[in-house]
Amino acid sequence: MATAVVPAAAALDRPKAGFWVRTGAYLIDAILLGVVSYVLGGLVGGNSSGTINLVLGLVYFLYFWSAAGNGQTLGMRALNLQVVKTDGSPLPLQTAVIRYLGLFVSFVVILIGVIWVAFDADKQGWHDKIAGTYVVKGARKANAG
């Protein structure tokens, strides 16, 4: 099934994704990362699982949230979600880094920053507000060239 290329401004016309669908996408990502981390930990051995989890999560989310990954982790692809800047454009790598750091802050404060999505008019968590992003339903096809 082909997806039409949607201009950046049109991304703002797409509905924003709410708390539960975003949680579902994150759970899919967490399961996938857990399996890969378990396998890599078994291959590497020792007490390196924390380091493996950190590096794997960082690389995974930075790549898939950025324009290189079309703003979609594998969980987001499964649920047809996409992260975009508030102007509708794809995230450059530096914005993905800011969003990742914001997600860490959102988790550290007993998940309040993540739960914020459920109550915010723009369905933004603290990490979205910090990075200037939205998670929208429907995906824009990556530009081929």
C-alpha atoms as a PDB file:
ATOM      1  CA  MET A   1       0.000   0.000   0.000  1.00  0.00           C
ATOM      2  CA  ALA A   2       1.588   3.254  -1.135  1.00  0.00           C
ATOM      3  CA  THR A   3       1.521   6.309   1.073  1.00  0.00           C
ATOM      4  CA  ALA A   4       1.346   9.703  -0.601  1.00  0.00           C
ATOM      5  CA  VAL A   5       4.022  12.265   0.190  1.00  0.00           C
ATOM      6  CA  VAL A   6       2.464  14.837   2.498  1.00  0.00           C
ATOM      7  CA  PRO A   7       3.889  18.365   2.740  1.00  0.00           C
ATOM      8  CA  ALA A   8       5.219  19.324   6.177  1.00  0.00           C
ATOM      9  CA  ALA A   9       2.415  21.805   6.869  1.00  0.00           C
ATOM     10  CA  ALA A  10      -0.173  19.118   6.135  1.00  0.00           C
ATOM     11  CA  ALA A  11       1.259  17.074   9.008  1.00  0.00           C
ATOM     12  CA  LEU A  12      -0.377  19.570  11.338  1.00  0.00           C
ATOM     13  CA  ASP A  13      -3.769  18.681   9.839  1.00  0.00           C
ATOM     14  CA  ARG A  14      -3.368  15.100  10.998  1.00  0.00           C
ATOM     15  CA  PRO A  15      -4.864  14.263  14.396  1.00  0.00           C
ATOM     16  CA  LYS A  16      -2.450  14.135  17.299  1.00  0.00           C
ATOM     17  CA  ALA A  17      -1.916  10.759  18.929  1.00  0.00           C
ATOM     18  CA  GLY A  18      -3.177  10.304  22.463  1.00  0.00           C
ATOM     19  CA  PHE A  19      -1.744   8.646  25.534  1.00  0.00           C
ATOM     20  CA  TRP A  20      -2.888   5.046  25.023  1.00  0.00           C
ATOM     21  CA  VAL A  21      -1.868   4.607  21.392  1.00  0.00           C
ATOM     22  CA  ARG A  22       1.513   6.183  22.161  1.00  0.00           C
ATOM     23  CA  THR A  23       1.901   3.863  25.151  1.00  0.00           C
ATOM     24  CA  GLY A  24       1.123   0.898  22.884  1.00  0.00           C
ATOM     25  CA  ALA A  25       3.801   1.954  20.409  1.00  0.00           C
ATOM     26  CA  TYR A  26       6.313   2.414  23.217  1.00  0.00           C
ATOM     27  CA  LEU A  27       5.514  -1.037  24.633  1.00  0.00           C
ATOM     28  CA  ILE A  28       6.150  -2.602  21.220  1.00  0.00           C
ATOM     29  CA  ASP A  29       9.491  -0.769  21.079  1.00  0.00           C
ATOM     30  CA  ALA A  30      10.363  -1.822  24.638  1.00  0.00           C
ATOM     31  CA  ILE A  31       9.669  -5.482  23.873  1.00  0.00           C
ATOM     32  CA  LEU A  32      11.765  -5.363  20.690  1.00  0.00           C
ATOM     33  CA  LEU A  33      14.616  -3.585  22.460  1.00  0.00           C
ATOM     34  CA  GLY A  34      14.396  -6.032  25.361  1.00  0.00           C
ATOM     35  CA  VAL A  35      14.746  -9.033  23.061  1.00  0.00           C
ATOM     36  CA  VAL A  36      17.676  -7.517  21.151  1.00  0.00           C
ATOM     37  CA  SER A  37      19.330  -6.440  24.400  1.00  0.00           C
ATOM     38  CA  TYR A  38      18.905  -9.929  25.870  1.00  0.00           C
ATOM     39  CA  VAL A  39      20.499 -11.539  22.813  1.00  0.00           C
ATOM     40  CA  LEU A  40      23.379  -9.037  22.729  1.00  0.00           C
ATOM     41  CA  GLY A  41      23.889  -9.448  26.474  1.00  0.00           C
ATOM     42  CA  GLY A  42      24.137 -13.195  26.006  1.00  0.00           C
ATOM     43  CA  LEU A  43      26.718 -12.777  23.268  1.00  0.00           C
ATOM     44  CA  VAL A  44      28.804 -10.221  25.167  1.00  0.00           C
ATOM     45  CA  GLY A  45      28.371 -11.757  28.614  1.00  0.00           C
ATOM     46  CA  GLY A  46      29.414 -10.187  31.874  1.00  0.00           C
ATOM     47  CA  ASN A  47      27.661  -7.297  33.601  1.00  0.00           C
ATOM     48  CA  SER A  48      27.294  -5.077  30.560  1.00  0.00           C
ATOM     49  CA  SER A  49      23.488  -5.258  30.231  1.00  0.00           C
ATOM     50  CA  GLY A  50      22.957  -1.713  31.554  1.00  0.00           C
ATOM     51  CA  THR A  51      25.410  -0.268  29.048  1.00  0.00           C
ATOM     52  CA  ILE A  52      23.908  -2.319  26.223  1.00  0.00           C
ATOM     53  CA  ASN A  53      20.395  -1.097  27.120  1.00  0.00           C
ATOM     54  CA  LEU A  54      21.518   2.531  27.255  1.00  0.00           C
ATOM     55  CA  VAL A  55      23.413   2.499  23.959  1.00  0.00           C
ATOM     56  CA  LEU A  56      20.812   0.405  22.144  1.00  0.00           C
ATOM     57  CA  GLY A  57      17.933   2.646  23.284  1.00  0.00           C
ATOM     58  CA  LEU A  58      19.828   5.812  22.423  1.00  0.00           C
ATOM     59  CA  VAL A  59      20.764   4.656  18.912  1.00  0.00           C
ATOM     60  CA  TYR A  60      17.312   3.182  18.251  1.00  0.00           C
ATOM     61  CA  PHE A  61      15.261   6.215  19.260  1.00  0.00           C
ATOM     62  CA  LEU A  62      17.603   8.832  17.787  1.00  0.00           C
ATOM     63  CA  TYR A  63      17.661   7.079  14.428  1.00  0.00           C
ATOM     64  CA  PHE A  64      13.955   6.302  14.142  1.00  0.00           C
ATOM     65  CA  TRP A  65      12.689   9.636  15.523  1.00  0.00           C
ATOM     66  CA  SER A  66      14.938  11.599  13.164  1.00  0.00           C
ATOM     67  CA  ALA A  67      14.277  12.234   9.492  1.00  0.00           C
ATOM     68  CA  ALA A  68      16.553   9.258   8.688  1.00  0.00           C
ATOM     69  CA  GLY A  69      13.982   6.921  10.264  1.00  0.00           C
ATOM     70  CA  ASN A  70      10.995   8.925   8.942  1.00  0.00           C
ATOM     71  CA  GLY A  71      10.030   9.915  12.498  1.00  0.00           C
ATOM     72  CA  GLN A  72       8.739   6.420  13.271  1.00  0.00           C
ATOM     73  CA  THR A  73      10.056   3.747  15.588  1.00  0.00           C
ATOM     74  CA  LEU A  74       8.988   0.206  14.725  1.00  0.00           C
ATOM     75  CA  GLY A  75       6.208   0.463  17.317  1.00  0.00           C
ATOM     76  CA  MET A  76       5.064   3.750  15.808  1.00  0.00           C
ATOM     77  CA  ARG A  77       5.060   2.180  12.350  1.00  0.00           C
ATOM     78  CA  ALA A  78       2.915  -0.690  13.606  1.00  0.00           C
ATOM     79  CA  LEU A  79       0.353   1.790  14.965  1.00  0.00           C
ATOM     80  CA  ASN A  80       0.724   4.335  12.123  1.00  0.00           C
ATOM     81  CA  LEU A  81       2.156   7.167  14.236  1.00  0.00           C
ATOM     82  CA  GLN A  82       4.865   9.668  13.445  1.00  0.00           C
ATOM     83  CA  VAL A  83       6.825  12.235  15.425  1.00  0.00           C
ATOM     84  CA  VAL A  84       7.198  15.625  13.727  1.00  0.00           C
ATOM     85  CA  LYS A  85       8.302  19.098  14.733  1.00  0.00           C
ATOM     86  CA  THR A  86       5.494  21.484  15.653  1.00  0.00           C
ATOM     87  CA  ASP A  87       5.730  23.013  12.169  1.00  0.00           C
ATOM     88  CA  GLY A  88       5.120  19.542  10.683  1.00  0.00           C
ATOM     89  CA  SER A  89       8.650  18.989   9.401  1.00  0.00           C
ATOM     90  CA  PRO A  90      10.828  15.945  10.146  1.00  0.00           C
ATOM     91  CA  LEU A  91      13.144  15.997  13.153  1.00  0.00           C
ATOM     92  CA  PRO A  92      16.814  16.702  12.589  1.00  0.00           C
ATOM     93  CA  LEU A  93      19.142  14.585  14.711  1.00  0.00           C
ATOM     94  CA  GLN A  94      19.716  17.373  17.265  1.00  0.00           C
ATOM     95  CA  THR A  95      15.954  17.648  17.917  1.00  0.00           C
ATOM     96  CA  ALA A  96      15.783  13.864  18.370  1.00  0.00           C
ATOM     97  CA  VAL A  97      18.575  14.166  20.975  1.00  0.00           C
ATOM     98  CA  ILE A  98      16.674  16.908  22.828  1.00  0.00           C
ATOM     99  CA  ARG A  99      13.491  14.807  22.741  1.00  0.00           C
ATOM    100  CA  TYR A 100      15.371  11.769  24.100  1.00  0.00           C
ATOM    101  CA  LEU A 101      16.822  13.808  26.973  1.00  0.00           C
ATOM    102  CA  GLY A 102      13.343  15.219  27.625  1.00  0.00           C
ATOM    103  CA  LEU A 103      11.927  11.683  27.708  1.00  0.00           C
ATOM    104  CA  PHE A 104      14.488  10.789  30.352  1.00  0.00           C
ATOM    105  CA  VAL A 105      13.326  13.770  32.437  1.00  0.00           C
ATOM    106  CA  SER A 106       9.698  12.777  31.844  1.00  0.00           C
ATOM    107  CA  PHE A 107      10.396   9.258  33.172  1.00  0.00           C
ATOM    108  CA  VAL A 108      12.529  10.338  36.138  1.00  0.00           C
ATOM    109  CA  VAL A 109       9.734  12.377  37.730  1.00  0.00           C
ATOM    110  CA  ILE A 110       7.620   9.262  38.346  1.00  0.00           C
ATOM    111  CA  LEU A 111       6.341   9.300  34.761  1.00  0.00           C
ATOM    112  CA  ILE A 112       4.460  12.592  35.237  1.00  0.00           C
ATOM    113  CA  GLY A 113       6.027  14.041  32.079  1.00  0.00           C
ATOM    114  CA  VAL A 114       4.787  11.088  30.028  1.00  0.00           C
ATOM    115  CA  ILE A 115       1.343  10.927  31.626  1.00  0.00           C
ATOM    116  CA  TRP A 116       1.026  14.633  30.783  1.00  0.00           C
ATOM    117  CA  VAL A 117       0.064  13.557  27.241  1.00  0.00           C
ATOM    118  CA  ALA A 118      -3.307  12.337  28.554  1.00  0.00           C
ATOM    119  CA  PHE A 119      -4.246  15.761  29.920  1.00  0.00           C
ATOM    120  CA  ASP A 120      -2.566  18.206  27.542  1.00  0.00           C
ATOM    121  CA  ALA A 121      -4.702  19.963  24.907  1.00  0.00           C
ATOM    122  CA  ASP A 122      -2.002  19.343  22.263  1.00  0.00           C
ATOM    123  CA  LYS A 123      -1.351  15.780  23.503  1.00  0.00           C
ATOM    124  CA  GLN A 124       2.270  16.643  24.225  1.00  0.00           C
ATOM    125  CA  GLY A 125       4.393  15.135  26.960  1.00  0.00           C
ATOM    126  CA  TRP A 126       7.133  17.161  28.571  1.00  0.00           C
ATOM    127  CA  HIS A 127       9.632  15.666  26.118  1.00  0.00           C
ATOM    128  CA  ASP A 128       7.463  16.920  23.225  1.00  0.00           C
ATOM    129  CA  LYS A 129       7.205  20.392  24.735  1.00  0.00           C
ATOM    130  CA  ILE A 130      10.966  20.524  25.400  1.00  0.00           C
ATOM    131  CA  ALA A 131      11.814  19.444  21.832  1.00  0.00           C
ATOM    132  CA  GLY A 132       8.924  21.193  20.057  1.00  0.00           C
ATOM    133  CA  THR A 133       7.354  18.010  18.661  1.00  0.00           C
ATOM    134  CA  TYR A 134       3.990  16.352  18.136  1.00  0.00           C
ATOM    135  CA  VAL A 135       3.146  12.701  17.625  1.00  0.00           C
ATOM    136  CA  VAL A 136       0.553  12.515  14.867  1.00  0.00           C
ATOM    137  CA  LYS A 137      -1.603   9.759  13.438  1.00  0.00           C
ATOM    138  CA  GLY A 138      -0.889   8.706   9.871  1.00  0.00           C
ATOM    139  CA  ALA A 139       2.569   8.720   8.394  1.00  0.00           C
ATOM    140  CA  ARG A 140       4.212  10.840   5.772  1.00  0.00           C
ATOM    141  CA  LYS A 141       6.227   8.819   3.296  1.00  0.00           C
ATOM    142  CA  ALA A 142       9.931   9.587   3.454  1.00  0.00           C
ATOM    143  CA  ASN A 143      11.204  11.618   0.519  1.00  0.00           C
ATOM    144  CA  ALA A 144      13.041   9.412  -1.915  1.00  0.00           C
ATOM    145  CA  GLY A 145      15.958  11.564  -2.796  1.00  0.00           C
END
